[in-house]
Amino acid sequence: MCDICNSKETYVKDYEHIYEYKGKKIKFTAPRRFCSNCNNLVYDKELDNAVGLKAIDLYNKKYGILKTKIINLRKKYNLSQELFSKIIGCDKETLISYEKGTIIPNDNHILILKSLIENI
């Protein structure tokens, strides 16, 4: 339902997103739900979550570190998530989020991970 006009009629169309994180802009197009009556963006759990994950993935590709590289590094040395999280200095839950691609690693962890990957 639309928060502006309370209409229940909606449609989906591509929408250009611009996210800024740590002074860096990520621009991409992804489907979003809109109100058929007033064309306001309407919440759609599935579409909105997909947009957030795409923004994180694009940021990590361009400025951070890919989740697959983190997983591959940990598995190369046969380390548990518990032990690897201690090595890089984060909580296990944080590492799990990095590996799922649901959050962007912080700058310190990116530096540590990139250093470990480059020195293999």
Protein backbone atom coordinates (compact mmCIF):
# COMPACT_ATOMS: atom_id res chain seq x y z
CA MET A 1 0.00 0.00 0.00
CA CYS A 2 1.20 3.51 -0.83
CA ASP A 3 2.19 5.65 2.16
CA ILE A 4 1.16 8.81 0.29
CA CYS A 5 -2.26 8.07 -1.21
CA ASN A 6 -3.11 4.66 0.36
CA SER A 7 -3.65 3.07 -3.04
CA LYS A 8 -3.15 -0.69 -3.22
CA GLU A 9 -2.55 -0.68 -6.98
CA THR A 10 1.14 -0.97 -7.83
CA TYR A 11 3.50 -1.74 -10.68
CA VAL A 12 7.18 -2.63 -11.02
CA LYS A 13 9.67 -0.77 -13.19
CA ASP A 14 13.42 -0.28 -13.38
CA TYR A 15 14.67 2.50 -11.15
CA GLU A 16 18.07 4.18 -11.13
CA HIS A 17 19.69 4.02 -7.69
CA ILE A 18 22.58 6.09 -6.42
CA TYR A 19 24.01 4.99 -3.09
CA GLU A 20 26.85 6.77 -1.35
CA TYR A 21 29.00 4.97 1.20
CA LYS A 22 32.20 6.38 2.67
CA GLY A 23 32.18 9.13 0.04
CA LYS A 24 32.00 6.68 -2.86
CA LYS A 25 28.96 6.53 -5.13
CA ILE A 26 27.44 3.35 -6.50
CA LYS A 27 25.00 3.82 -9.38
CA PHE A 28 22.85 1.02 -10.82
CA THR A 29 19.42 0.18 -12.12
CA ALA A 30 17.14 -2.35 -10.45
CA PRO A 31 13.42 -3.10 -10.34
CA ARG A 32 11.32 -1.31 -7.70
CA ARG A 33 7.61 -1.16 -6.90
CA PHE A 34 5.63 2.04 -7.45
CA CYS A 35 2.12 3.26 -6.70
CA SER A 36 -0.10 3.19 -9.79
CA ASN A 37 -1.97 6.24 -8.58
CA CYS A 38 0.78 8.71 -7.53
CA ASN A 39 3.97 6.96 -8.75
CA ASN A 40 5.51 7.02 -5.26
CA LEU A 41 8.00 4.27 -4.35
CA VAL A 42 6.18 1.53 -2.43
CA TYR A 43 7.83 -0.89 -0.01
CA ASP A 44 8.37 -4.37 -1.41
CA LYS A 45 10.37 -6.59 0.92
CA GLU A 46 11.81 -8.83 -1.81
CA LEU A 47 12.69 -6.08 -4.28
CA ASP A 48 14.01 -3.70 -1.63
CA ASN A 49 16.22 -6.39 -0.04
CA ALA A 50 17.57 -7.33 -3.48
CA VAL A 51 18.48 -3.68 -4.12
CA GLY A 52 20.37 -3.47 -0.82
CA LEU A 53 22.32 -6.65 -1.56
CA LYS A 54 23.12 -5.46 -5.08
CA ALA A 55 24.45 -2.16 -3.71
CA ILE A 56 26.71 -4.04 -1.26
CA ASP A 57 27.93 -6.40 -3.97
CA LEU A 58 28.72 -3.57 -6.39
CA TYR A 59 30.53 -1.60 -3.69
CA ASN A 60 32.59 -4.63 -2.71
CA LYS A 61 33.48 -5.34 -6.36
CA LYS A 62 34.66 -1.79 -6.93
CA TYR A 63 36.13 -0.70 -3.59
CA GLY A 64 36.05 -3.55 -1.11
CA ILE A 65 36.52 -7.28 -1.24
CA LEU A 66 34.24 -9.94 -2.70
CA LYS A 67 32.58 -12.42 -0.38
CA THR A 68 33.92 -15.31 -2.47
CA LYS A 69 37.49 -14.13 -1.89
CA ILE A 70 36.91 -14.08 1.86
CA ILE A 71 35.41 -17.58 1.81
CA ASN A 72 38.16 -18.95 -0.44
CA LEU A 73 40.88 -17.49 1.78
CA ARG A 74 39.37 -19.03 4.91
CA LYS A 75 38.83 -22.40 3.26
CA LYS A 76 42.31 -22.46 1.73
CA TYR A 77 43.73 -22.70 5.24
CA ASN A 78 40.89 -24.93 6.46
CA LEU A 79 39.91 -22.43 9.15
CA SER A 80 36.58 -22.31 10.93
CA GLN A 81 34.63 -19.08 10.84
CA GLU A 82 35.27 -18.78 14.58
CA LEU A 83 39.06 -18.96 14.22
CA PHE A 84 39.28 -16.88 11.04
CA SER A 85 37.17 -14.12 12.60
CA LYS A 86 39.65 -13.96 15.49
CA ILE A 87 42.57 -13.76 13.05
CA ILE A 88 41.12 -10.75 11.22
CA GLY A 89 39.79 -9.18 14.43
CA CYS A 90 36.03 -9.36 14.14
CA ASP A 91 33.13 -11.27 15.68
CA LYS A 92 32.09 -14.55 14.09
CA GLU A 93 28.68 -13.04 13.25
CA THR A 94 30.41 -10.18 11.42
CA LEU A 95 32.49 -12.62 9.38
CA ILE A 96 29.36 -14.60 8.52
CA SER A 97 27.75 -11.37 7.25
CA TYR A 98 30.86 -10.62 5.15
CA GLU A 99 30.73 -14.12 3.67
CA LYS A 100 27.00 -13.82 2.93
CA GLY A 101 27.53 -10.40 1.36
CA THR A 102 24.97 -8.74 3.60
CA ILE A 103 27.33 -6.07 4.94
CA ILE A 104 30.39 -4.23 3.66
CA PRO A 105 33.58 -5.10 5.56
CA ASN A 106 34.99 -2.19 7.52
CA ASP A 107 38.17 -0.52 6.31
CA ASN A 108 40.47 -2.30 8.78
CA HIS A 109 39.12 -5.72 7.86
CA ILE A 110 39.41 -4.93 4.13
CA LEU A 111 43.08 -4.02 4.60
CA ILE A 112 43.78 -7.20 6.59
CA LEU A 113 41.92 -9.44 4.13
CA LYS A 114 43.54 -7.90 1.05
CA SER A 115 46.95 -8.20 2.68
CA LEU A 116 46.36 -11.88 3.45
CA ILE A 117 45.12 -12.56 -0.09
CA GLU A 118 48.04 -10.73 -1.73
CA ASN A 119 50.61 -12.53 0.42
CA ILE A 120 49.44 -16.05 -0.37
